[in-house]
């Protein structure tokens, strides 16, 4: 299955730029690693995986990025989506994530 739904808190990266992320549950990250581990799959920069995301009524294409600290992937949530969906730091975000190109 190449589609996952989960709910996780929105957090802000503690740096100068205001980047916001949701950390994927570890079990979802494990499934994504398994699905994308095929030797025939082209690897993307930084170990990222292309995805299509739905949060509320917002749908967009992006990538999830591996995060060594959590042992999972992080999903960037852009400002336009946060504004459209009324999301703020620490809000729980329900995400429908679909792997692209698999």
PDB file of N, CA and C in Angstrom:
ATOM      1  N   UNK A   1       0.856  -1.191   0.000  1.00  0.00           N
ATOM      2  CA  UNK A   1       0.000   0.000   0.000  1.00  0.00           C
ATOM      3  C   UNK A   1       0.887   1.235   0.000  1.00  0.00           C
ATOM      4  N   UNK A   2       0.578   2.174  -0.851  1.00  0.00           N
ATOM      5  CA  UNK A   2       1.390   3.382  -0.999  1.00  0.00           C
ATOM      6  C   UNK A   2       0.703   4.618  -0.443  1.00  0.00           C
ATOM      7  N   UNK A   3      -0.296   4.418   0.417  1.00  0.00           N
ATOM      8  CA  UNK A   3      -1.034   5.543   0.985  1.00  0.00           C
ATOM      9  C   UNK A   3      -1.118   5.351   2.495  1.00  0.00           C
ATOM     10  N   UNK A   4      -0.923   6.444   3.231  1.00  0.00           N
ATOM     11  CA  UNK A   4      -0.886   6.395   4.684  1.00  0.00           C
ATOM     12  C   UNK A   4      -1.678   7.564   5.250  1.00  0.00           C
ATOM     13  N   UNK A   5      -2.394   7.322   6.331  1.00  0.00           N
ATOM     14  CA  UNK A   5      -3.086   8.400   7.033  1.00  0.00           C
ATOM     15  C   UNK A   5      -2.651   8.358   8.490  1.00  0.00           C
ATOM     16  N   UNK A   6      -2.363   9.532   9.039  1.00  0.00           N
ATOM     17  CA  UNK A   6      -1.936   9.634  10.431  1.00  0.00           C
ATOM     18  C   UNK A   6      -2.203  11.048  10.944  1.00  0.00           C
ATOM     19  N   UNK A   7      -2.143  11.202  12.246  1.00  0.00           N
ATOM     20  CA  UNK A   7      -2.274  12.500  12.893  1.00  0.00           C
ATOM     21  C   UNK A   7      -1.051  12.704  13.771  1.00  0.00           C
ATOM     22  N   UNK A   8      -0.426  13.871  13.650  1.00  0.00           N
ATOM     23  CA  UNK A   8       0.781  14.181  14.414  1.00  0.00           C
ATOM     24  C   UNK A   8       0.854  15.692  14.639  1.00  0.00           C
ATOM     25  N   UNK A   9       1.580  16.121  15.669  1.00  0.00           N
ATOM     26  CA  UNK A   9       1.668  17.555  15.958  1.00  0.00           C
ATOM     27  C   UNK A   9       2.568  18.306  14.981  1.00  0.00           C
ATOM     28  N   UNK A  10       2.190  19.543  14.726  1.00  0.00           N
ATOM     29  CA  UNK A  10       2.974  20.464  13.904  1.00  0.00           C
ATOM     30  C   UNK A  10       4.038  21.096  14.793  1.00  0.00           C
ATOM     31  N   UNK A  11       5.286  21.118  14.322  1.00  0.00           N
ATOM     32  CA  UNK A  11       6.355  21.726  15.115  1.00  0.00           C
ATOM     33  C   UNK A  11       7.207  22.635  14.240  1.00  0.00           C
ATOM     34  N   UNK A  12       7.850  23.581  14.896  1.00  0.00           N
ATOM     35  CA  UNK A  12       8.674  24.564  14.195  1.00  0.00           C
ATOM     36  C   UNK A  12      10.141  24.222  14.381  1.00  0.00           C
ATOM     37  N   UNK A  13      10.873  24.223  13.272  1.00  0.00           N
ATOM     38  CA  UNK A  13      12.308  23.972  13.322  1.00  0.00           C
ATOM     39  C   UNK A  13      12.980  25.152  14.002  1.00  0.00           C
ATOM     40  N   UNK A  14      13.795  24.916  15.020  1.00  0.00           N
ATOM     41  CA  UNK A  14      14.392  26.017  15.782  1.00  0.00           C
ATOM     42  C   UNK A  14      15.588  26.639  15.054  1.00  0.00           C
ATOM     43  N   UNK A  15      15.299  27.377  14.020  1.00  0.00           N
ATOM     44  CA  UNK A  15      16.340  28.071  13.254  1.00  0.00           C
ATOM     45  C   UNK A  15      15.798  29.435  12.848  1.00  0.00           C
ATOM     46  N   UNK A  16      16.606  30.172  12.133  1.00  0.00           N
ATOM     47  CA  UNK A  16      16.222  31.524  11.743  1.00  0.00           C
ATOM     48  C   UNK A  16      14.970  31.547  10.872  1.00  0.00           C
ATOM     49  N   UNK A  17      14.923  30.680   9.876  1.00  0.00           N
ATOM     50  CA  UNK A  17      13.760  30.611   8.978  1.00  0.00           C
ATOM     51  C   UNK A  17      12.635  29.842   9.673  1.00  0.00           C
ATOM     52  N   UNK A  18      11.416  30.230   9.429  1.00  0.00           N
ATOM     53  CA  UNK A  18      10.256  29.592  10.076  1.00  0.00           C
ATOM     54  C   UNK A  18       9.789  28.393   9.260  1.00  0.00           C
ATOM     55  N   UNK A  19      10.474  27.268   9.395  1.00  0.00           N
ATOM     56  CA  UNK A  19      10.089  26.023   8.747  1.00  0.00           C
ATOM     57  C   UNK A  19       9.256  25.216   9.731  1.00  0.00           C
ATOM     58  N   UNK A  20       8.145  24.677   9.248  1.00  0.00           N
ATOM     59  CA  UNK A  20       7.259  23.869  10.077  1.00  0.00           C
ATOM     60  C   UNK A  20       7.178  22.459   9.498  1.00  0.00           C
ATOM     61  N   UNK A  21       7.104  21.474  10.396  1.00  0.00           N
ATOM     62  CA  UNK A  21       7.114  20.075   9.984  1.00  0.00           C
ATOM     63  C   UNK A  21       6.132  19.259  10.815  1.00  0.00           C
ATOM     64  N   UNK A  22       5.804  18.088  10.274  1.00  0.00           N
ATOM     65  CA  UNK A  22       5.119  17.028  11.001  1.00  0.00           C
ATOM     66  C   UNK A  22       6.044  15.818  10.897  1.00  0.00           C
ATOM     67  N   UNK A  23       6.292  15.147  12.008  1.00  0.00           N
ATOM     68  CA  UNK A  23       7.107  13.933  12.001  1.00  0.00           C
ATOM     69  C   UNK A  23       6.183  12.740  11.785  1.00  0.00           C
ATOM     70  N   UNK A  24       6.518  11.930  10.797  1.00  0.00           N
ATOM     71  CA  UNK A  24       5.712  10.736  10.518  1.00  0.00           C
ATOM     72  C   UNK A  24       5.855   9.734  11.659  1.00  0.00           C
ATOM     73  N   UNK A  25       4.783   8.999  11.971  1.00  0.00           N
ATOM     74  CA  UNK A  25       4.910   7.933  12.957  1.00  0.00           C
ATOM     75  C   UNK A  25       5.986   6.936  12.510  1.00  0.00           C
ATOM     76  N   UNK A  26       6.706   6.372  13.465  1.00  0.00           N
ATOM     77  CA  UNK A  26       7.817   5.470  13.154  1.00  0.00           C
ATOM     78  C   UNK A  26       7.355   4.264  12.338  1.00  0.00           C
ATOM     79  N   UNK A  27       6.151   3.748  12.603  1.00  0.00           N
ATOM     80  CA  UNK A  27       5.685   2.588  11.834  1.00  0.00           C
ATOM     81  C   UNK A  27       5.433   2.955  10.375  1.00  0.00           C
ATOM     82  N   UNK A  28       4.929   4.156  10.121  1.00  0.00           N
ATOM     83  CA  UNK A  28       4.715   4.627   8.746  1.00  0.00           C
ATOM     84  C   UNK A  28       6.069   4.785   8.063  1.00  0.00           C
ATOM     85  N   UNK A  29       7.036   5.372   8.760  1.00  0.00           N
ATOM     86  CA  UNK A  29       8.380   5.541   8.197  1.00  0.00           C
ATOM     87  C   UNK A  29       8.991   4.183   7.835  1.00  0.00           C
ATOM     88  N   UNK A  30       8.783   3.193   8.684  1.00  0.00           N
ATOM     89  CA  UNK A  30       9.299   1.853   8.406  1.00  0.00           C
ATOM     90  C   UNK A  30       8.695   1.265   7.146  1.00  0.00           C
ATOM     91  N   UNK A  31       7.401   1.453   6.960  1.00  0.00           N
ATOM     92  CA  UNK A  31       6.744   0.953   5.747  1.00  0.00           C
ATOM     93  C   UNK A  31       7.275   1.675   4.511  1.00  0.00           C
ATOM     94  N   UNK A  32       7.473   2.986   4.618  1.00  0.00           N
ATOM     95  CA  UNK A  32       8.005   3.753   3.481  1.00  0.00           C
ATOM     96  C   UNK A  32       9.417   3.281   3.149  1.00  0.00           C
ATOM     97  N   UNK A  33      10.244   3.067   4.160  1.00  0.00           N
ATOM     98  CA  UNK A  33      11.605   2.557   3.923  1.00  0.00           C
ATOM     99  C   UNK A  33      11.564   1.202   3.221  1.00  0.00           C
ATOM    100  N   UNK A  34      10.662   0.334   3.661  1.00  0.00           N
ATOM    101  CA  UNK A  34      10.551  -0.991   3.046  1.00  0.00           C
ATOM    102  C   UNK A  34      10.132  -0.868   1.581  1.00  0.00           C
ATOM    103  N   UNK A  35       9.112  -0.057   1.311  1.00  0.00           N
ATOM    104  CA  UNK A  35       8.598   0.111  -0.052  1.00  0.00           C
ATOM    105  C   UNK A  35       9.655   0.718  -0.966  1.00  0.00           C
ATOM    106  N   UNK A  36      10.436   1.659  -0.449  1.00  0.00           N
ATOM    107  CA  UNK A  36      11.400   2.380  -1.285  1.00  0.00           C
ATOM    108  C   UNK A  36      12.794   1.760  -1.259  1.00  0.00           C
ATOM    109  N   UNK A  37      12.946   0.587  -0.638  1.00  0.00           N
ATOM    110  CA  UNK A  37      14.271  -0.029  -0.525  1.00  0.00           C
ATOM    111  C   UNK A  37      14.690  -0.793  -1.775  1.00  0.00           C
ATOM    112  N   UNK A  38      13.816  -0.935  -2.747  1.00  0.00           N
ATOM    113  CA  UNK A  38      14.125  -1.664  -3.978  1.00  0.00           C
ATOM    114  C   UNK A  38      15.356  -1.050  -4.652  1.00  0.00           C
ATOM    115  N   UNK A  39      16.301  -1.880  -5.000  1.00  0.00           N
ATOM    116  CA  UNK A  39      17.542  -1.445  -5.645  1.00  0.00           C
ATOM    117  C   UNK A  39      17.285  -0.728  -6.981  1.00  0.00           C
ATOM    118  N   UNK A  40      16.166  -1.011  -7.622  1.00  0.00           N
ATOM    119  CA  UNK A  40      15.852  -0.425  -8.930  1.00  0.00           C
ATOM    120  C   UNK A  40      15.277   0.989  -8.805  1.00  0.00           C
ATOM    121  N   UNK A  41      14.906   1.388  -7.594  1.00  0.00           N
ATOM    122  CA  UNK A  41      14.317   2.719  -7.415  1.00  0.00           C
ATOM    123  C   UNK A  41      15.412   3.771  -7.410  1.00  0.00           C
ATOM    124  N   UNK A  42      15.235   4.836  -8.176  1.00  0.00           N
ATOM    125  CA  UNK A  42      16.238   5.908  -8.143  1.00  0.00           C
ATOM    126  C   UNK A  42      16.214   6.598  -6.782  1.00  0.00           C
ATOM    127  N   UNK A  43      17.394   6.859  -6.240  1.00  0.00           N
ATOM    128  CA  UNK A  43      17.503   7.551  -4.957  1.00  0.00           C
ATOM    129  C   UNK A  43      17.450   9.057  -5.193  1.00  0.00           C
ATOM    130  N   UNK A  44      16.805   9.773  -4.259  1.00  0.00           N
ATOM    131  CA  UNK A  44      16.680  11.222  -4.361  1.00  0.00           C
ATOM    132  C   UNK A  44      17.642  11.867  -3.365  1.00  0.00           C
ATOM    133  N   UNK A  45      17.865  13.160  -3.551  1.00  0.00           N
ATOM    134  CA  UNK A  45      18.766  13.894  -2.672  1.00  0.00           C
ATOM    135  C   UNK A  45      18.373  13.807  -1.211  1.00  0.00           C
ATOM    136  N   UNK A  46      19.357  13.675  -0.344  1.00  0.00           N
ATOM    137  CA  UNK A  46      19.178  13.619   1.109  1.00  0.00           C
ATOM    138  C   UNK A  46      18.346  12.421   1.563  1.00  0.00           C
ATOM    139  N   UNK A  47      18.131  11.444   0.683  1.00  0.00           N
ATOM    140  CA  UNK A  47      17.308  10.287   1.043  1.00  0.00           C
ATOM    141  C   UNK A  47      15.822  10.590   1.060  1.00  0.00           C
ATOM    142  N   UNK A  48      15.433  11.675   0.394  1.00  0.00           N
ATOM    143  CA  UNK A  48      14.029  12.098   0.387  1.00  0.00           C
ATOM    144  C   UNK A  48      13.165  11.168  -0.463  1.00  0.00           C
ATOM    145  N   UNK A  49      11.873  11.207  -0.194  1.00  0.00           N
ATOM    146  CA  UNK A  49      10.891  10.404  -0.924  1.00  0.00           C
ATOM    147  C   UNK A  49       9.778  11.338  -1.381  1.00  0.00           C
ATOM    148  N   UNK A  50       9.467  11.305  -2.680  1.00  0.00           N
ATOM    149  CA  UNK A  50       8.409  12.167  -3.237  1.00  0.00           C
ATOM    150  C   UNK A  50       7.045  11.672  -2.769  1.00  0.00           C
ATOM    151  N   UNK A  51       6.186  12.631  -2.382  1.00  0.00           N
ATOM    152  CA  UNK A  51       4.854  12.298  -1.889  1.00  0.00           C
ATOM    153  C   UNK A  51       3.831  13.328  -2.358  1.00  0.00           C
ATOM    154  N   UNK A  52       2.579  12.894  -2.378  1.00  0.00           N
ATOM    155  CA  UNK A  52       1.457  13.815  -2.529  1.00  0.00           C
ATOM    156  C   UNK A  52       0.770  13.839  -1.167  1.00  0.00           C
ATOM    157  N   UNK A  53       0.408  15.027  -0.713  1.00  0.00           N
ATOM    158  CA  UNK A  53      -0.112  15.192   0.641  1.00  0.00           C
ATOM    159  C   UNK A  53      -1.467  15.882   0.596  1.00  0.00           C
ATOM    160  N   UNK A  54      -2.358  15.427   1.475  1.00  0.00           N
ATOM    161  CA  UNK A  54      -3.635  16.122   1.691  1.00  0.00           C
ATOM    162  C   UNK A  54      -3.739  16.428   3.175  1.00  0.00           C
ATOM    163  N   UNK A  55      -3.953  17.705   3.470  1.00  0.00           N
ATOM    164  CA  UNK A  55      -4.256  18.165   4.824  1.00  0.00           C
ATOM    165  C   UNK A  55      -5.511  19.012   4.689  1.00  0.00           C
ATOM    166  N   UNK A  56      -6.612  18.548   5.259  1.00  0.00           N
ATOM    167  CA  UNK A  56      -7.883  19.258   5.087  1.00  0.00           C
ATOM    168  C   UNK A  56      -8.227  19.323   3.607  1.00  0.00           C
ATOM    169  N   UNK A  57      -8.480  20.533   3.103  1.00  0.00           N
ATOM    170  CA  UNK A  57      -8.790  20.709   1.689  1.00  0.00           C
ATOM    171  C   UNK A  57      -7.583  21.018   0.831  1.00  0.00           C
ATOM    172  N   UNK A  58      -6.395  21.040   1.418  1.00  0.00           N
ATOM    173  CA  UNK A  58      -5.167  21.376   0.689  1.00  0.00           C
ATOM    174  C   UNK A  58      -4.454  20.116   0.214  1.00  0.00           C
ATOM    175  N   UNK A  59      -4.064  20.117  -1.065  1.00  0.00           N
ATOM    176  CA  UNK A  59      -3.335  18.994  -1.658  1.00  0.00           C
ATOM    177  C   UNK A  59      -2.113  19.562  -2.372  1.00  0.00           C
ATOM    178  N   UNK A  60      -0.950  18.941  -2.149  1.00  0.00           N
ATOM    179  CA  UNK A  60       0.249  19.397  -2.831  1.00  0.00           C
ATOM    180  C   UNK A  60       1.262  18.261  -2.914  1.00  0.00           C
ATOM    181  N   UNK A  61       2.239  18.434  -3.813  1.00  0.00           N
ATOM    182  CA  UNK A  61       3.338  17.474  -3.955  1.00  0.00           C
ATOM    183  C   UNK A  61       4.564  18.049  -3.267  1.00  0.00           C
ATOM    184  N   UNK A  62       5.284  17.187  -2.567  1.00  0.00           N
ATOM    185  CA  UNK A  62       6.497  17.589  -1.852  1.00  0.00           C
ATOM    186  C   UNK A  62       7.331  16.342  -1.622  1.00  0.00           C
ATOM    187  N   UNK A  63       8.240  16.395  -0.695  1.00  0.00           N
ATOM    188  CA  UNK A  63       9.041  15.240  -0.298  1.00  0.00           C
ATOM    189  C   UNK A  63       9.043  15.131   1.214  1.00  0.00           C
ATOM    190  N   UNK A  64       9.212  13.905   1.711  1.00  0.00           N
ATOM    191  CA  UNK A  64       9.512  13.698   3.120  1.00  0.00           C
ATOM    192  C   UNK A  64      11.005  13.430   3.207  1.00  0.00           C
ATOM    193  N   UNK A  65      11.611  13.855   4.320  1.00  0.00           N
ATOM    194  CA  UNK A  65      13.051  13.774   4.489  1.00  0.00           C
ATOM    195  C   UNK A  65      13.392  12.951   5.723  1.00  0.00           C
ATOM    196  N   UNK A  66      14.416  12.075   5.622  1.00  0.00           N
ATOM    197  CA  UNK A  66      14.787  11.276   6.787  1.00  0.00           C
ATOM    198  C   UNK A  66      15.296  12.174   7.916  1.00  0.00           C
ATOM    199  N   UNK A  67      14.955  11.791   9.136  1.00  0.00           N
ATOM    200  CA  UNK A  67      15.358  12.542  10.322  1.00  0.00           C
ATOM    201  C   UNK A  67      16.040  11.572  11.281  1.00  0.00           C
ATOM    202  N   UNK A  68      17.351  11.699  11.417  1.00  0.00           N
ATOM    203  CA  UNK A  68      18.113  10.773  12.264  1.00  0.00           C
ATOM    204  C   UNK A  68      17.694  10.867  13.726  1.00  0.00           C
ATOM    205  N   UNK A  69      17.352  12.062  14.180  1.00  0.00           N
ATOM    206  CA  UNK A  69      17.001  12.246  15.589  1.00  0.00           C
ATOM    207  C   UNK A  69      15.773  11.419  15.983  1.00  0.00           C
ATOM    208  N   UNK A  70      14.737  11.446  15.133  1.00  0.00           N
ATOM    209  CA  UNK A  70      13.498  10.722  15.456  1.00  0.00           C
ATOM    210  C   UNK A  70      13.494   9.297  14.907  1.00  0.00           C
ATOM    211  N   UNK A  71      14.394   9.014  13.952  1.00  0.00           N
ATOM    212  CA  UNK A  71      14.384   7.711  13.297  1.00  0.00           C
ATOM    213  C   UNK A  71      13.229   7.572  12.325  1.00  0.00           C
ATOM    214  N   UNK A  72      12.686   8.696  11.896  1.00  0.00           N
ATOM    215  CA  UNK A  72      11.523   8.703  11.016  1.00  0.00           C
ATOM    216  C   UNK A  72      11.794   9.615   9.823  1.00  0.00           C
ATOM    217  N   UNK A  73      10.718  10.123   9.245  1.00  0.00           N
ATOM    218  CA  UNK A  73      10.779  11.141   8.205  1.00  0.00           C
ATOM    219  C   UNK A  73      10.051  12.377   8.719  1.00  0.00           C
ATOM    220  N   UNK A  74      10.426  13.536   8.180  1.00  0.00           N
ATOM    221  CA  UNK A  74       9.691  14.767   8.477  1.00  0.00           C
ATOM    222  C   UNK A  74       9.057  15.285   7.194  1.00  0.00           C
ATOM    223  N   UNK A  75       7.861  15.824   7.353  1.00  0.00           N
ATOM    224  CA  UNK A  75       7.078  16.365   6.248  1.00  0.00           C
ATOM    225  C   UNK A  75       6.978  17.871   6.426  1.00  0.00           C
ATOM    226  N   UNK A  76       7.527  18.665   5.487  1.00  0.00           N
ATOM    227  CA  UNK A  76       7.387  20.114   5.599  1.00  0.00           C
ATOM    228  C   UNK A  76       5.945  20.532   5.295  1.00  0.00           C
ATOM    229  N   UNK A  77       5.425  21.447   6.105  1.00  0.00           N
ATOM    230  CA  UNK A  77       4.079  21.999   5.901  1.00  0.00           C
ATOM    231  C   UNK A  77       4.258  23.472   5.562  1.00  0.00           C
ATOM    232  N   UNK A  78       4.020  23.824   4.305  1.00  0.00           N
ATOM    233  CA  UNK A  78       4.295  25.187   3.860  1.00  0.00           C
ATOM    234  C   UNK A  78       3.304  26.189   4.426  1.00  0.00           C
ATOM    235  N   UNK A  79       3.722  27.451   4.429  1.00  0.00           N
ATOM    236  CA  UNK A  79       2.939  28.537   5.023  1.00  0.00           C
ATOM    237  C   UNK A  79       1.550  28.649   4.411  1.00  0.00           C
ATOM    238  N   UNK A  80       1.432  28.483   3.099  1.00  0.00           N
ATOM    239  CA  UNK A  80       0.126  28.611   2.438  1.00  0.00           C
ATOM    240  C   UNK A  80      -0.859  27.566   2.971  1.00  0.00           C
ATOM    241  N   UNK A  81      -0.377  26.366   3.234  1.00  0.00           N
ATOM    242  CA  UNK A  81      -1.231  25.307   3.772  1.00  0.00           C
ATOM    243  C   UNK A  81      -1.598  25.623   5.213  1.00  0.00           C
ATOM    244  N   UNK A  82      -0.621  26.032   6.006  1.00  0.00           N
ATOM    245  CA  UNK A  82      -0.914  26.379   7.406  1.00  0.00           C
ATOM    246  C   UNK A  82      -1.969  27.475   7.482  1.00  0.00           C
ATOM    247  N   UNK A  83      -1.841  28.460   6.623  1.00  0.00           N
ATOM    248  CA  UNK A  83      -2.818  29.558   6.615  1.00  0.00           C
ATOM    249  C   UNK A  83      -4.186  29.072   6.146  1.00  0.00           C
ATOM    250  N   UNK A  84      -4.231  28.341   5.043  1.00  0.00           N
ATOM    251  CA  UNK A  84      -5.502  27.862   4.479  1.00  0.00           C
ATOM    252  C   UNK A  84      -6.237  26.947   5.450  1.00  0.00           C
ATOM    253  N   UNK A  85      -5.489  26.149   6.221  1.00  0.00           N
ATOM    254  CA  UNK A  85      -6.098  25.169   7.121  1.00  0.00           C
ATOM    255  C   UNK A  85      -6.167  25.650   8.569  1.00  0.00           C
ATOM    256  N   UNK A  86      -5.717  26.886   8.815  1.00  0.00           N
ATOM    257  CA  UNK A  86      -5.776  27.443  10.162  1.00  0.00           C
ATOM    258  C   UNK A  86      -4.908  26.701  11.161  1.00  0.00           C
ATOM    259  N   UNK A  87      -3.721  26.273  10.734  1.00  0.00           N
ATOM    260  CA  UNK A  87      -2.831  25.490  11.587  1.00  0.00           C
ATOM    261  C   UNK A  87      -1.797  26.367  12.267  1.00  0.00           C
ATOM    262  N   UNK A  88      -1.509  26.048  13.518  1.00  0.00           N
ATOM    263  CA  UNK A  88      -0.495  26.753  14.280  1.00  0.00           C
ATOM    264  C   UNK A  88       0.403  25.727  14.955  1.00  0.00           C
ATOM    265  N   UNK A  89       1.562  26.180  15.417  1.00  0.00           N
ATOM    266  CA  UNK A  89       2.519  25.309  16.088  1.00  0.00           C
ATOM    267  C   UNK A  89       1.833  24.501  17.193  1.00  0.00           C
ATOM    268  N   UNK A  90       2.144  23.237  17.254  1.00  0.00           N
ATOM    269  CA  UNK A  90       1.639  22.260  18.229  1.00  0.00           C
ATOM    270  C   UNK A  90       0.240  21.726  17.912  1.00  0.00           C
ATOM    271  N   UNK A  91      -0.415  22.250  16.866  1.00  0.00           N
ATOM    272  CA  UNK A  91      -1.721  21.701  16.476  1.00  0.00           C
ATOM    273  C   UNK A  91      -1.528  20.275  15.964  1.00  0.00           C
ATOM    274  N   UNK A  92      -2.501  19.416  16.232  1.00  0.00           N
ATOM    275  CA  UNK A  92      -2.497  18.087  15.634  1.00  0.00           C
ATOM    276  C   UNK A  92      -2.967  18.195  14.194  1.00  0.00           C
ATOM    277  N   UNK A  93      -2.217  17.589  13.286  1.00  0.00           N
ATOM    278  CA  UNK A  93      -2.499  17.661  11.855  1.00  0.00           C
ATOM    279  C   UNK A  93      -2.806  16.251  11.352  1.00  0.00           C
ATOM    280  N   UNK A  94      -3.959  16.099  10.703  1.00  0.00           N
ATOM    281  CA  UNK A  94      -4.294  14.819  10.088  1.00  0.00           C
ATOM    282  C   UNK A  94      -3.817  14.876   8.638  1.00  0.00           C
ATOM    283  N   UNK A  95      -2.982  13.909   8.284  1.00  0.00           N
ATOM    284  CA  UNK A  95      -2.300  13.887   6.997  1.00  0.00           C
ATOM    285  C   UNK A  95      -2.691  12.630   6.231  1.00  0.00           C
ATOM    286  N   UNK A  96      -3.010  12.805   4.961  1.00  0.00           N
ATOM    287  CA  UNK A  96      -3.132  11.686   4.036  1.00  0.00           C
ATOM    288  C   UNK A  96      -1.940  11.817   3.084  1.00  0.00           C
ATOM    289  N   UNK A  97      -1.071  10.823   3.097  1.00  0.00           N
ATOM    290  CA  UNK A  97       0.182  10.887   2.355  1.00  0.00           C
ATOM    291  C   UNK A  97       0.233   9.725   1.369  1.00  0.00           C
ATOM    292  N   UNK A  98       0.563  10.038   0.120  1.00  0.00           N
ATOM    293  CA  UNK A  98       0.649   9.012  -0.917  1.00  0.00           C
ATOM    294  C   UNK A  98       2.009   9.096  -1.576  1.00  0.00           C
ATOM    295  N   UNK A  99       2.693   7.962  -1.689  1.00  0.00           N
ATOM    296  CA  UNK A  99       3.986   7.931  -2.349  1.00  0.00           C
ATOM    297  C   UNK A  99       3.799   8.156  -3.847  1.00  0.00           C
ATOM    298  N   UNK A 100       4.671   8.950  -4.446  1.00  0.00           N
ATOM    299  CA  UNK A 100       4.601   9.272  -5.876  1.00  0.00           C
ATOM    300  C   UNK A 100       5.658   8.481  -6.627  1.00  0.00           C
ATOM    301  N   UNK A 101       5.271   7.939  -7.764  1.00  0.00           N
ATOM    302  CA  UNK A 101       6.228   7.279  -8.640  1.00  0.00           C
ATOM    303  C   UNK A 101       6.604   5.879  -8.224  1.00  0.00           C
ATOM    304  N   UNK A 102       5.754   5.275  -7.403  1.00  0.00           N
ATOM    305  CA  UNK A 102       6.057   3.915  -6.949  1.00  0.00           C
ATOM    306  C   UNK A 102       4.974   2.984  -7.434  1.00  0.00           C
TER     307      UNK A 102
END
